[in-house]
N, C-alpha and C. Protein backbone atom coordinates (compact mmCIF):
# COMPACT_ATOMS: atom_id res chain seq x y z
N MET A 1 77.61 109.05 94.56
CA MET A 1 78.89 108.92 94.96
C MET A 1 79.92 108.52 93.88
N THR A 2 80.97 109.30 93.84
CA THR A 2 82.06 109.06 92.67
C THR A 2 83.07 108.36 93.36
N VAL A 3 83.92 107.89 92.37
CA VAL A 3 85.10 107.09 92.80
C VAL A 3 86.04 107.96 93.57
N PRO A 4 86.41 109.23 93.45
CA PRO A 4 87.20 109.98 94.28
C PRO A 4 86.69 110.24 95.67
N ASP A 5 85.40 110.02 95.73
CA ASP A 5 84.70 110.26 97.18
C ASP A 5 85.07 109.10 97.90
N VAL A 6 85.40 107.93 97.60
CA VAL A 6 85.70 106.68 98.16
C VAL A 6 87.02 106.25 98.16
N VAL A 7 87.68 106.17 96.81
CA VAL A 7 89.03 105.70 96.82
C VAL A 7 90.08 107.01 96.89
N SER A 8 90.56 107.00 98.10
CA SER A 8 91.48 108.19 98.44
C SER A 8 93.01 107.72 98.27
N TRP A 9 93.91 108.55 98.26
CA TRP A 9 95.36 108.15 98.21
C TRP A 9 95.70 107.52 99.50
N VAL A 10 94.93 107.85 100.60
CA VAL A 10 95.15 107.17 101.91
C VAL A 10 94.87 105.68 101.75
N PHE A 11 93.73 105.48 101.30
CA PHE A 11 93.36 104.21 101.05
C PHE A 11 94.27 103.24 100.01
N ILE A 12 94.56 103.94 98.93
CA ILE A 12 95.58 103.30 98.17
C ILE A 12 96.92 102.86 98.83
N GLY A 13 97.45 103.88 99.60
CA GLY A 13 98.77 103.84 100.16
C GLY A 13 98.63 102.72 101.34
N SER A 14 97.57 102.72 102.09
CA SER A 14 97.31 101.85 103.16
C SER A 14 97.26 100.33 102.58
N SER A 15 96.39 100.25 101.41
CA SER A 15 96.40 99.05 100.68
C SER A 15 97.62 98.39 100.17
N LEU A 16 98.56 99.30 99.62
CA LEU A 16 99.66 98.85 98.97
C LEU A 16 100.58 98.26 100.24
N ALA A 17 100.62 99.00 101.42
CA ALA A 17 101.38 98.53 102.45
C ALA A 17 101.02 97.21 102.98
N VAL A 18 99.71 96.90 102.92
CA VAL A 18 99.29 95.68 103.31
C VAL A 18 99.78 94.55 102.19
N ILE A 19 99.45 94.79 101.00
CA ILE A 19 99.70 93.86 99.93
C ILE A 19 101.08 93.60 99.89
N VAL A 20 102.01 94.47 99.92
CA VAL A 20 103.42 94.11 99.84
C VAL A 20 104.04 93.24 101.11
N THR A 21 103.33 93.16 102.11
CA THR A 21 103.75 92.56 103.21
C THR A 21 103.84 91.15 102.94
N PRO A 22 105.14 90.37 103.13
CA PRO A 22 105.15 88.95 102.98
C PRO A 22 103.99 88.11 103.58
N GLY A 23 103.38 87.20 102.76
CA GLY A 23 102.20 86.44 103.30
C GLY A 23 102.21 85.17 102.34
N PRO A 24 101.40 84.35 102.68
CA PRO A 24 101.19 82.97 101.90
C PRO A 24 101.00 83.15 100.32
N ASP A 25 100.26 84.17 99.98
CA ASP A 25 99.97 84.36 98.37
C ASP A 25 101.32 84.73 97.76
N ASN A 26 101.91 85.86 98.40
CA ASN A 26 103.14 86.37 97.83
C ASN A 26 104.30 85.24 97.82
N ALA A 27 104.41 84.49 98.82
CA ALA A 27 105.36 83.36 98.91
C ALA A 27 105.28 82.32 97.95
N LEU A 28 103.86 82.03 97.69
CA LEU A 28 103.37 80.93 96.73
C LEU A 28 103.78 81.27 95.27
N VAL A 29 103.38 82.68 94.85
CA VAL A 29 103.72 83.11 93.63
C VAL A 29 105.33 83.25 93.52
N ALA A 30 105.99 83.70 94.23
CA ALA A 30 107.42 83.79 94.22
C ALA A 30 108.22 82.35 93.95
N ARG A 31 107.83 81.51 94.84
CA ARG A 31 108.39 80.21 94.81
C ARG A 31 108.11 79.47 93.32
N LEU A 32 106.87 79.60 92.79
CA LEU A 32 106.56 79.05 91.60
C LEU A 32 107.28 79.60 90.44
N VAL A 33 107.51 80.89 90.34
CA VAL A 33 108.26 81.65 89.45
C VAL A 33 109.67 81.12 89.51
N LEU A 34 110.37 81.26 90.57
CA LEU A 34 111.59 80.76 90.74
C LEU A 34 111.96 79.46 90.58
N ARG A 35 111.02 78.68 90.61
CA ARG A 35 111.10 77.09 90.46
C ARG A 35 110.72 76.72 88.99
N ALA A 36 110.79 77.85 88.20
CA ALA A 36 110.51 77.80 86.73
C ALA A 36 109.22 77.19 86.27
N ALA A 37 108.23 77.46 87.01
CA ALA A 37 106.89 77.03 86.63
C ALA A 37 106.45 77.75 85.36
N PRO A 38 105.70 77.25 84.36
CA PRO A 38 105.26 77.95 83.23
C PRO A 38 104.56 79.22 83.55
N ARG A 39 104.63 80.21 82.78
CA ARG A 39 103.91 81.48 83.04
C ARG A 39 102.40 81.29 83.16
N ARG A 40 101.95 80.52 82.30
CA ARG A 40 100.42 80.36 82.29
C ARG A 40 99.86 79.56 83.55
N PHE A 41 100.77 78.84 84.12
CA PHE A 41 100.43 78.15 85.43
C PHE A 41 100.40 79.18 86.61
N VAL A 42 101.53 80.05 86.49
CA VAL A 42 101.51 81.03 87.77
C VAL A 42 100.44 82.03 87.33
N GLY A 43 100.04 82.33 86.24
CA GLY A 43 98.82 83.23 85.94
C GLY A 43 97.67 82.61 86.41
N SER A 44 97.43 81.09 86.31
CA SER A 44 96.15 80.62 86.85
C SER A 44 96.37 80.43 88.39
N VAL A 45 97.46 80.44 89.04
CA VAL A 45 97.46 80.43 90.47
C VAL A 45 96.93 81.79 90.96
N ILE A 46 97.50 82.98 90.31
CA ILE A 46 97.12 84.32 90.49
C ILE A 46 95.69 84.18 90.35
N LEU A 47 94.97 83.82 89.32
CA LEU A 47 93.54 83.74 89.13
C LEU A 47 92.85 83.16 90.25
N GLY A 48 93.37 81.98 90.76
CA GLY A 48 92.70 81.34 91.85
C GLY A 48 92.90 82.20 93.12
N ILE A 49 93.88 82.90 93.29
CA ILE A 49 94.00 83.93 94.56
C ILE A 49 93.03 84.91 94.38
N MET A 50 92.85 85.43 93.27
CA MET A 50 91.83 86.55 92.91
C MET A 50 90.43 86.14 93.14
N LEU A 51 90.16 84.92 92.73
CA LEU A 51 88.57 84.39 92.98
C LEU A 51 88.37 84.21 94.24
N ALA A 52 89.26 83.61 95.12
CA ALA A 52 89.12 83.37 96.50
C ALA A 52 88.95 84.84 97.19
N GLY A 53 89.83 85.78 96.87
CA GLY A 53 89.71 87.16 97.55
C GLY A 53 88.45 87.70 97.08
N SER A 54 88.04 87.62 95.85
CA SER A 54 86.76 88.03 95.47
C SER A 54 85.59 87.57 96.15
N ALA A 55 85.65 86.38 96.43
CA ALA A 55 84.45 85.52 97.27
C ALA A 55 84.41 86.08 98.72
N TYR A 56 85.65 86.24 99.13
CA TYR A 56 85.67 86.72 100.76
C TYR A 56 85.21 88.18 100.70
N ALA A 57 85.51 89.04 99.73
CA ALA A 57 85.17 90.32 99.65
C ALA A 57 83.56 90.37 99.39
N ALA A 58 83.09 89.56 98.63
CA ALA A 58 81.56 89.72 98.31
C ALA A 58 80.79 89.03 99.72
N VAL A 59 81.49 88.27 100.50
CA VAL A 59 80.76 87.88 101.68
C VAL A 59 80.81 88.85 102.69
N SER A 60 82.03 89.62 102.82
CA SER A 60 82.11 90.88 103.68
C SER A 60 81.19 91.93 103.26
N VAL A 61 81.14 92.34 101.93
CA VAL A 61 80.14 93.28 101.80
C VAL A 61 78.72 93.06 101.91
N ALA A 62 78.31 91.71 101.84
CA ALA A 62 76.96 91.26 102.24
C ALA A 62 76.71 91.31 103.70
N GLY A 63 77.97 91.31 104.44
CA GLY A 63 77.64 91.36 105.90
C GLY A 63 77.72 90.01 106.61
N VAL A 64 77.82 89.10 105.74
CA VAL A 64 78.00 87.80 106.47
C VAL A 64 79.22 87.45 107.29
N ALA A 65 80.27 88.28 106.73
CA ALA A 65 81.57 87.99 107.44
C ALA A 65 81.52 88.50 108.87
N VAL A 66 80.72 89.40 109.29
CA VAL A 66 80.53 89.76 110.65
C VAL A 66 80.02 88.63 111.50
N LEU A 67 78.92 87.92 110.96
CA LEU A 67 78.47 86.90 111.70
C LEU A 67 79.52 85.57 111.83
N ALA A 68 80.29 85.37 110.69
CA ALA A 68 81.27 84.42 110.73
C ALA A 68 82.57 84.68 111.82
N SER A 69 82.84 86.05 111.90
CA SER A 69 83.86 86.31 112.83
C SER A 69 83.42 86.29 114.17
N GLN A 70 82.12 86.07 114.49
CA GLN A 70 81.56 85.90 115.78
C GLN A 70 81.20 84.43 116.20
N GLU A 71 81.57 83.61 115.09
CA GLU A 71 81.45 82.09 115.49
C GLU A 71 82.79 81.28 115.67
N PRO A 72 83.34 81.29 116.91
CA PRO A 72 84.68 80.84 117.20
C PRO A 72 84.98 79.32 116.68
N ALA A 73 83.91 78.49 116.67
CA ALA A 73 84.34 77.24 116.25
C ALA A 73 84.65 77.13 114.68
N TRP A 74 83.79 77.77 114.01
CA TRP A 74 84.00 78.05 112.41
C TRP A 74 85.31 78.55 112.11
N PHE A 75 85.59 79.63 112.90
CA PHE A 75 86.77 80.45 112.50
C PHE A 75 88.09 79.54 112.97
N THR A 76 88.14 78.70 114.11
CA THR A 76 89.05 77.96 114.53
C THR A 76 89.28 76.95 113.55
N ALA A 77 88.27 76.08 113.05
CA ALA A 77 88.35 75.12 112.09
C ALA A 77 89.04 75.64 110.78
N LEU A 78 88.63 76.72 110.37
CA LEU A 78 89.14 77.10 109.12
C LEU A 78 90.64 77.75 109.32
N ARG A 79 90.96 78.18 110.48
CA ARG A 79 92.31 78.58 110.82
C ARG A 79 93.41 77.49 110.92
N TRP A 80 92.87 76.38 111.50
CA TRP A 80 93.60 75.08 111.57
C TRP A 80 93.75 74.57 110.09
N CYS A 81 92.81 74.65 109.39
CA CYS A 81 93.07 74.12 107.92
C CYS A 81 93.99 74.86 107.16
N GLY A 82 93.83 76.17 107.33
CA GLY A 82 94.86 76.98 106.63
C GLY A 82 96.19 76.84 107.02
N ALA A 83 96.47 76.59 108.46
CA ALA A 83 97.71 76.45 108.97
C ALA A 83 98.28 74.98 108.48
N ALA A 84 97.38 74.12 108.32
CA ALA A 84 97.76 72.69 108.05
C ALA A 84 98.40 72.85 106.48
N VAL A 85 97.62 73.67 105.66
CA VAL A 85 97.97 73.72 104.20
C VAL A 85 99.51 74.30 104.19
N LEU A 86 99.63 75.43 104.90
CA LEU A 86 100.85 76.14 104.87
C LEU A 86 101.98 75.31 105.40
N LEU A 87 101.73 74.53 106.49
CA LEU A 87 102.76 73.50 106.95
C LEU A 87 103.13 72.45 105.96
N VAL A 88 102.21 71.88 105.32
CA VAL A 88 102.52 70.86 104.33
C VAL A 88 103.29 71.44 103.10
N TRP A 89 102.94 72.71 102.64
CA TRP A 89 103.76 73.37 101.76
C TRP A 89 105.14 73.78 102.07
N GLY A 90 105.14 74.15 103.44
CA GLY A 90 106.54 74.41 103.95
C GLY A 90 107.42 73.27 104.03
N LEU A 91 106.82 72.18 104.37
CA LEU A 91 107.72 70.98 104.65
C LEU A 91 108.06 70.48 103.27
N GLN A 92 107.22 70.63 102.30
CA GLN A 92 107.47 70.17 100.98
C GLN A 92 108.64 71.02 100.27
N ALA A 93 108.65 72.26 100.59
CA ALA A 93 109.75 73.12 100.12
C ALA A 93 111.08 72.79 100.80
N LEU A 94 110.84 72.64 102.29
CA LEU A 94 112.26 72.29 102.88
C LEU A 94 112.89 70.96 102.49
N ILE A 95 112.04 69.95 102.21
CA ILE A 95 112.58 68.63 101.59
C ILE A 95 113.09 68.91 100.15
N GLY A 96 112.44 69.79 99.33
CA GLY A 96 113.09 70.09 98.16
C GLY A 96 114.37 70.94 98.13
N ALA A 97 114.60 71.75 99.29
CA ALA A 97 115.77 72.34 99.33
C ALA A 97 116.92 71.41 99.70
N ALA A 98 116.53 70.34 100.55
CA ALA A 98 117.50 69.40 101.09
C ALA A 98 118.03 68.43 99.94
N ARG A 99 117.09 68.17 99.06
CA ARG A 99 117.24 67.29 97.98
C ARG A 99 117.97 67.88 96.80
N ALA A 100 118.70 67.18 95.75
CA ALA A 100 119.15 67.84 94.62
C ALA A 100 118.20 68.36 93.94
N PRO A 101 118.12 69.51 93.39
CA PRO A 101 117.08 70.08 92.44
C PRO A 101 116.93 69.29 91.12
N ALA A 102 115.82 69.60 90.56
CA ALA A 102 115.46 68.94 89.43
C ALA A 102 116.54 69.31 88.27
N PRO A 103 116.94 68.10 87.52
CA PRO A 103 118.17 68.39 86.67
C PRO A 103 118.01 69.32 85.48
N ASP A 104 116.81 69.46 85.03
CA ASP A 104 116.46 70.20 83.83
C ASP A 104 115.28 71.05 84.16
N ALA A 105 115.49 72.47 84.69
CA ALA A 105 114.41 73.23 84.89
C ALA A 105 113.67 73.66 83.69
N GLY A 106 114.45 73.44 82.44
CA GLY A 106 113.58 73.81 81.16
C GLY A 106 112.54 73.00 80.86
N ALA A 107 112.65 71.63 81.34
CA ALA A 107 111.74 70.75 80.99
C ALA A 107 110.51 70.89 81.88
N GLU A 108 110.64 71.57 83.03
CA GLU A 108 109.46 72.01 83.69
C GLU A 108 108.74 73.28 83.06
N GLU A 109 109.50 74.04 82.43
CA GLU A 109 109.03 75.13 81.76
C GLU A 109 108.13 74.79 80.73
N LYS A 110 108.43 73.75 80.16
CA LYS A 110 107.61 73.24 78.95
C LYS A 110 106.47 72.36 79.32
N GLY A 111 106.56 71.93 80.66
CA GLY A 111 105.39 71.01 81.04
C GLY A 111 104.07 71.42 80.57
N THR A 112 103.36 70.41 80.30
CA THR A 112 101.97 70.56 80.03
C THR A 112 101.02 69.51 80.73
N GLY A 113 101.67 68.65 81.71
CA GLY A 113 101.18 67.73 82.41
C GLY A 113 100.23 68.24 83.40
N PRO A 114 99.56 67.28 84.30
CA PRO A 114 98.60 67.74 85.21
C PRO A 114 99.23 68.48 86.37
N SER A 115 100.47 68.25 86.65
CA SER A 115 101.26 69.17 87.67
C SER A 115 101.18 70.66 87.30
N THR A 116 101.18 70.99 86.10
CA THR A 116 101.17 72.48 85.64
C THR A 116 99.89 72.86 84.83
N SER A 117 98.86 71.98 85.18
CA SER A 117 97.52 72.35 84.41
C SER A 117 97.01 73.72 84.85
N VAL A 118 96.16 74.45 84.20
CA VAL A 118 95.51 75.57 84.59
C VAL A 118 94.63 75.29 85.67
N LEU A 119 93.89 74.17 85.67
CA LEU A 119 92.81 73.93 86.78
C LEU A 119 93.63 73.60 88.12
N ARG A 120 94.76 73.01 88.19
CA ARG A 120 95.56 72.76 89.32
C ARG A 120 96.00 74.14 89.85
N GLY A 121 96.47 74.90 88.87
CA GLY A 121 96.96 76.37 89.37
C GLY A 121 95.86 77.04 90.00
N VAL A 122 94.62 77.09 89.46
CA VAL A 122 93.49 77.82 90.05
C VAL A 122 93.24 77.23 91.39
N GLY A 123 93.26 75.99 91.57
CA GLY A 123 93.06 75.21 92.80
C GLY A 123 93.99 75.60 93.72
N LEU A 124 95.27 75.65 93.49
CA LEU A 124 96.21 76.17 94.38
C LEU A 124 96.07 77.50 94.89
N GLY A 125 95.74 78.50 93.99
CA GLY A 125 95.31 79.82 94.30
C GLY A 125 94.11 79.93 95.34
N LEU A 126 93.27 79.31 94.99
CA LEU A 126 91.89 79.12 95.79
C LEU A 126 92.37 78.47 97.19
N LEU A 127 93.03 77.45 97.16
CA LEU A 127 93.50 76.86 98.43
C LEU A 127 94.27 77.84 99.27
N CYS A 128 95.15 78.34 98.72
CA CYS A 128 96.16 79.31 99.45
C CYS A 128 95.33 80.44 100.07
N THR A 129 94.51 81.23 99.53
CA THR A 129 93.73 82.38 100.01
C THR A 129 92.51 81.93 100.61
N GLY A 130 91.82 80.90 99.98
CA GLY A 130 90.68 80.39 100.76
C GLY A 130 90.78 79.80 101.92
N SER A 131 91.92 79.31 102.25
CA SER A 131 92.10 78.65 103.65
C SER A 131 92.70 79.53 104.78
N ASN A 132 92.74 80.79 104.32
CA ASN A 132 93.29 81.67 105.28
C ASN A 132 92.17 82.65 105.84
N PRO A 133 91.52 82.41 106.95
CA PRO A 133 90.44 83.02 107.62
C PRO A 133 90.63 84.35 107.77
N LYS A 134 91.97 84.92 107.88
CA LYS A 134 92.28 86.37 108.22
C LYS A 134 91.95 87.09 106.96
N VAL A 135 91.94 86.63 105.93
CA VAL A 135 91.58 87.33 104.65
C VAL A 135 90.17 87.96 104.90
N ILE A 136 89.16 87.20 105.25
CA ILE A 136 87.73 87.72 105.49
C ILE A 136 87.68 88.67 106.62
N LEU A 137 88.39 88.38 107.64
CA LEU A 137 88.49 89.36 108.77
C LEU A 137 89.11 90.64 108.47
N PHE A 138 90.18 90.55 107.56
CA PHE A 138 90.68 91.76 107.13
C PHE A 138 89.76 92.75 106.29
N PHE A 139 88.95 92.07 105.40
CA PHE A 139 88.05 92.86 104.78
C PHE A 139 87.00 93.48 105.57
N VAL A 140 86.59 92.80 106.63
CA VAL A 140 85.72 93.36 107.61
C VAL A 140 86.24 94.55 108.36
N ALA A 141 87.51 94.32 108.79
CA ALA A 141 88.16 95.45 109.65
C ALA A 141 88.59 96.60 108.76
N PHE A 142 89.17 96.34 107.57
CA PHE A 142 90.00 97.32 106.81
C PHE A 142 89.12 98.37 105.98
N LEU A 143 88.18 97.67 105.15
CA LEU A 143 87.39 98.45 104.19
C LEU A 143 86.46 99.35 104.83
N PRO A 144 85.73 99.21 105.99
CA PRO A 144 84.80 100.04 106.40
C PRO A 144 85.44 101.29 106.97
N GLN A 145 86.82 101.39 107.27
CA GLN A 145 87.42 102.59 107.68
C GLN A 145 87.38 103.61 106.51
N PHE A 146 87.27 103.31 105.33
CA PHE A 146 87.36 104.17 104.23
C PHE A 146 85.90 104.65 103.62
N VAL A 147 84.98 104.10 104.30
CA VAL A 147 83.58 104.36 103.71
C VAL A 147 83.18 105.70 104.44
N PRO A 148 82.74 106.58 103.51
CA PRO A 148 82.21 107.86 104.08
C PRO A 148 81.17 107.92 105.08
N ARG A 149 81.44 108.52 106.26
CA ARG A 149 80.76 108.43 107.44
C ARG A 149 79.16 108.79 107.23
N ASP A 150 78.94 109.80 106.29
CA ASP A 150 77.52 110.17 106.04
C ASP A 150 76.84 109.17 104.97
N SER A 151 77.37 108.00 104.74
CA SER A 151 76.80 107.07 103.82
C SER A 151 75.64 106.38 104.42
N SER A 152 74.53 106.24 103.54
CA SER A 152 73.26 105.46 103.99
C SER A 152 73.83 103.94 103.84
N GLU A 153 72.81 103.12 104.21
CA GLU A 153 73.15 101.61 104.19
C GLU A 153 73.47 101.24 102.72
N SER A 154 72.52 101.60 101.78
CA SER A 154 72.81 101.30 100.37
C SER A 154 74.08 101.80 99.90
N SER A 155 74.35 103.03 100.08
CA SER A 155 75.56 103.72 99.53
C SER A 155 76.82 103.30 100.23
N GLY A 156 76.54 102.82 101.42
CA GLY A 156 77.68 102.23 102.32
C GLY A 156 78.20 100.90 101.66
N GLN A 157 77.18 100.08 101.30
CA GLN A 157 77.41 98.74 100.66
C GLN A 157 78.12 99.01 99.31
N ALA A 158 77.65 100.02 98.63
CA ALA A 158 78.31 100.38 97.20
C ALA A 158 79.76 100.84 97.44
N ALA A 159 80.04 101.68 98.34
CA ALA A 159 81.26 102.07 98.67
C ALA A 159 82.29 100.87 98.90
N LEU A 160 81.66 99.90 99.92
CA LEU A 160 82.45 98.77 100.15
C LEU A 160 82.89 97.92 99.04
N ALA A 161 81.91 97.79 98.11
CA ALA A 161 82.02 97.01 96.97
C ALA A 161 83.18 97.70 95.91
N LEU A 162 82.98 99.00 95.91
CA LEU A 162 84.00 99.82 95.20
C LEU A 162 85.43 99.50 95.67
N LEU A 163 85.53 99.65 96.98
CA LEU A 163 86.77 99.62 97.78
C LEU A 163 87.38 98.25 97.54
N ALA A 164 86.62 97.27 97.54
CA ALA A 164 87.02 95.76 97.45
C ALA A 164 87.49 95.64 96.03
N VAL A 165 86.68 96.16 95.01
CA VAL A 165 87.30 95.98 93.56
C VAL A 165 88.64 96.64 93.45
N PHE A 166 88.81 97.91 93.96
CA PHE A 166 90.22 98.58 93.87
C PHE A 166 91.24 97.82 94.36
N TYR A 167 90.84 97.28 95.83
CA TYR A 167 91.75 96.64 96.54
C TYR A 167 92.34 95.34 95.76
N LEU A 168 91.38 94.63 95.26
CA LEU A 168 91.65 93.24 94.56
C LEU A 168 92.40 93.69 93.35
N THR A 169 92.14 94.81 92.58
CA THR A 169 92.82 95.20 91.44
C THR A 169 94.31 95.29 91.77
N LEU A 170 94.69 96.03 92.91
CA LEU A 170 95.82 96.30 93.46
C LEU A 170 96.82 95.05 93.64
N VAL A 171 95.95 94.15 94.24
CA VAL A 171 96.53 92.64 94.56
C VAL A 171 96.97 92.11 93.31
N ALA A 172 96.11 91.99 92.27
CA ALA A 172 96.38 91.26 91.02
C ALA A 172 97.59 92.03 90.23
N CYS A 173 97.60 93.27 90.36
CA CYS A 173 98.61 94.14 89.75
C CYS A 173 99.96 93.81 90.31
N TRP A 174 100.00 93.64 91.78
CA TRP A 174 101.24 93.38 92.56
C TRP A 174 101.87 91.97 92.25
N HIS A 175 100.89 90.91 92.29
CA HIS A 175 101.35 89.49 91.83
C HIS A 175 101.95 89.60 90.58
N ILE A 176 101.30 90.18 89.50
CA ILE A 176 101.80 90.05 88.12
C ILE A 176 103.04 90.75 88.20
N LEU A 177 103.20 91.94 88.75
CA LEU A 177 104.48 92.69 88.83
C LEU A 177 105.70 91.91 89.31
N VAL A 178 105.32 91.15 90.45
CA VAL A 178 106.32 90.49 91.16
C VAL A 178 106.87 89.21 90.28
N SER A 179 105.76 88.66 89.74
CA SER A 179 105.98 87.36 88.91
C SER A 179 106.78 87.73 87.67
N GLU A 180 106.72 88.87 87.14
CA GLU A 180 107.36 89.37 85.85
C GLU A 180 108.75 89.72 86.25
N VAL A 181 108.95 90.43 87.30
CA VAL A 181 110.41 90.85 87.88
C VAL A 181 111.10 89.57 88.22
N LEU A 182 110.60 88.64 88.84
CA LEU A 182 111.27 87.40 89.28
C LEU A 182 111.51 86.60 88.03
N LEU A 183 110.65 86.56 86.96
CA LEU A 183 110.82 85.94 85.74
C LEU A 183 112.07 86.41 85.03
N VAL A 184 112.37 87.74 85.06
CA VAL A 184 113.52 88.42 84.38
C VAL A 184 114.70 87.98 85.28
N VAL A 185 114.72 87.92 86.43
CA VAL A 185 115.74 87.31 87.27
C VAL A 185 116.26 85.95 86.95
N ARG A 186 115.09 85.02 87.02
CA ARG A 186 115.30 83.64 86.61
C ARG A 186 115.94 83.50 85.21
N ARG A 187 115.36 84.31 84.25
CA ARG A 187 115.89 84.04 82.77
C ARG A 187 117.35 84.54 82.63
N ARG A 188 117.64 85.53 83.50
CA ARG A 188 119.04 86.05 83.46
C ARG A 188 120.01 84.84 83.89
N LEU A 189 119.60 84.07 84.68
CA LEU A 189 120.38 82.82 85.17
C LEU A 189 120.42 81.71 84.32
N ASP A 190 119.59 81.71 83.38
CA ASP A 190 119.47 80.48 82.32
C ASP A 190 120.79 80.43 81.74
N GLY A 191 121.25 79.08 81.67
CA GLY A 191 122.50 78.74 81.12
C GLY A 191 123.52 78.72 82.00
N ARG A 192 123.31 79.27 83.21
CA ARG A 192 124.26 79.15 84.43
C ARG A 192 123.68 78.10 85.31
N ARG A 193 123.99 76.78 85.12
CA ARG A 193 123.37 75.85 85.68
C ARG A 193 123.67 75.84 87.30
N ARG A 194 124.96 76.07 87.73
CA ARG A 194 125.17 76.09 89.07
C ARG A 194 124.46 77.17 89.84
N ALA A 195 124.40 78.32 89.12
CA ALA A 195 123.72 79.51 89.76
C ALA A 195 122.27 79.15 89.95
N THR A 196 121.67 78.43 88.94
CA THR A 196 120.28 78.14 88.76
C THR A 196 119.89 77.19 89.86
N LEU A 197 120.73 76.27 89.92
CA LEU A 197 120.45 75.19 90.87
C LEU A 197 120.58 75.80 92.37
N ALA A 198 121.56 76.73 92.56
CA ALA A 198 121.73 77.32 93.94
C ALA A 198 120.50 78.16 94.18
N LEU A 199 120.10 78.83 93.34
CA LEU A 199 118.75 79.69 93.46
C LEU A 199 117.70 78.80 93.77
N THR A 200 117.47 77.62 93.18
CA THR A 200 116.43 76.87 93.27
C THR A 200 116.32 76.35 94.86
N ARG A 201 117.63 75.95 95.19
CA ARG A 201 117.64 75.38 96.60
C ARG A 201 117.35 76.42 97.56
N ALA A 202 118.05 77.70 97.19
CA ALA A 202 117.80 78.70 98.25
C ALA A 202 116.39 79.19 98.32
N THR A 203 115.72 79.24 97.15
CA THR A 203 114.36 79.62 97.23
C THR A 203 113.53 78.62 97.98
N ASP A 204 113.67 77.30 97.62
CA ASP A 204 112.99 76.26 98.53
C ASP A 204 113.06 76.42 100.07
N GLY A 205 114.41 76.65 100.34
CA GLY A 205 114.67 76.69 101.87
C GLY A 205 114.04 77.83 102.41
N LEU A 206 114.04 79.02 101.77
CA LEU A 206 113.51 80.39 102.38
C LEU A 206 111.97 80.32 102.18
N MET A 207 111.31 79.77 101.16
CA MET A 207 109.93 79.57 101.08
C MET A 207 109.54 78.60 102.17
N GLY A 208 110.24 77.49 102.39
CA GLY A 208 110.08 76.55 103.30
C GLY A 208 109.82 77.19 104.80
N VAL A 209 110.75 77.91 104.99
CA VAL A 209 110.75 78.60 106.47
C VAL A 209 109.67 79.66 106.56
N VAL A 210 109.38 80.41 105.29
CA VAL A 210 108.24 81.34 105.33
C VAL A 210 106.87 80.64 105.62
N PHE A 211 106.62 79.69 104.83
CA PHE A 211 105.35 78.84 104.99
C PHE A 211 105.31 78.30 106.42
N VAL A 212 106.29 77.69 106.92
CA VAL A 212 106.10 77.04 108.12
C VAL A 212 105.98 78.10 109.14
N THR A 213 106.73 79.28 109.12
CA THR A 213 106.44 80.42 110.08
C THR A 213 105.13 80.95 109.95
N LEU A 214 104.51 81.19 108.77
CA LEU A 214 103.14 81.55 108.65
C LEU A 214 102.15 80.63 109.28
N SER A 215 102.42 79.36 109.06
CA SER A 215 101.65 78.36 109.58
C SER A 215 101.43 78.53 111.09
N VAL A 216 102.60 78.54 111.83
CA VAL A 216 102.66 78.55 113.22
C VAL A 216 102.02 79.93 113.79
N ARG A 217 102.28 80.94 113.06
CA ARG A 217 101.67 82.29 113.37
C ARG A 217 100.18 82.37 113.26
N LEU A 218 99.80 81.65 112.19
CA LEU A 218 98.27 81.56 111.99
C LEU A 218 97.64 80.71 113.25
N VAL A 219 98.24 79.75 113.65
CA VAL A 219 97.70 79.07 114.81
C VAL A 219 97.94 79.78 116.09
N TRP A 220 99.06 80.38 116.36
CA TRP A 220 99.21 80.91 117.84
C TRP A 220 98.62 82.37 117.81
N SER A 221 98.38 82.95 116.66
CA SER A 221 97.74 84.35 116.71
C SER A 221 96.39 84.37 117.05
N GLY A 222 95.80 83.16 116.77
CA GLY A 222 94.28 83.10 117.03
C GLY A 222 93.96 82.94 118.42
């Protein structure tokens, strides 16, 4: 079984359509960049997102996800946990939008304290993706559609693993692209204090609404 046999343009297009759809991961990365978080910190958050996604993909390929999706209590607990995380982040962002922004965004850019440590960034990424149970159900429902129908059990698992790797690679590329584009936008505003502060407050307000909305949707859609 070769890569072209499994990874089709239909799969790539469908994956991109899913990836670019606004969600917790996209919102978190965008907010951090526009809030002038150091690049290495944003990179560590993306790493955490990818680690959580990889873990979910591995569980899905192993078939354990099918059992998990059939356990309502486990799924409900994880769903409420994810909703709580998103709600807290949303309220924090809204509070940040209501208050006066930090007086010196450049100081945060140079920050090396615990608030911008690599480990904290990885933890944020893990928490954001890991607390969203729909990720694992997505892998269960989405990836098998692109496995060749004549595949044996072993080749089918290999195809699922290959699809998961390609999908996660696309996710990583998308987050890196978004972070770099938003970094350019933010740097163009450097030196324009009023514009920078207005962008910071607008970003917090928008992301606060996004996180709270996603939290409510995660609860009610279950």
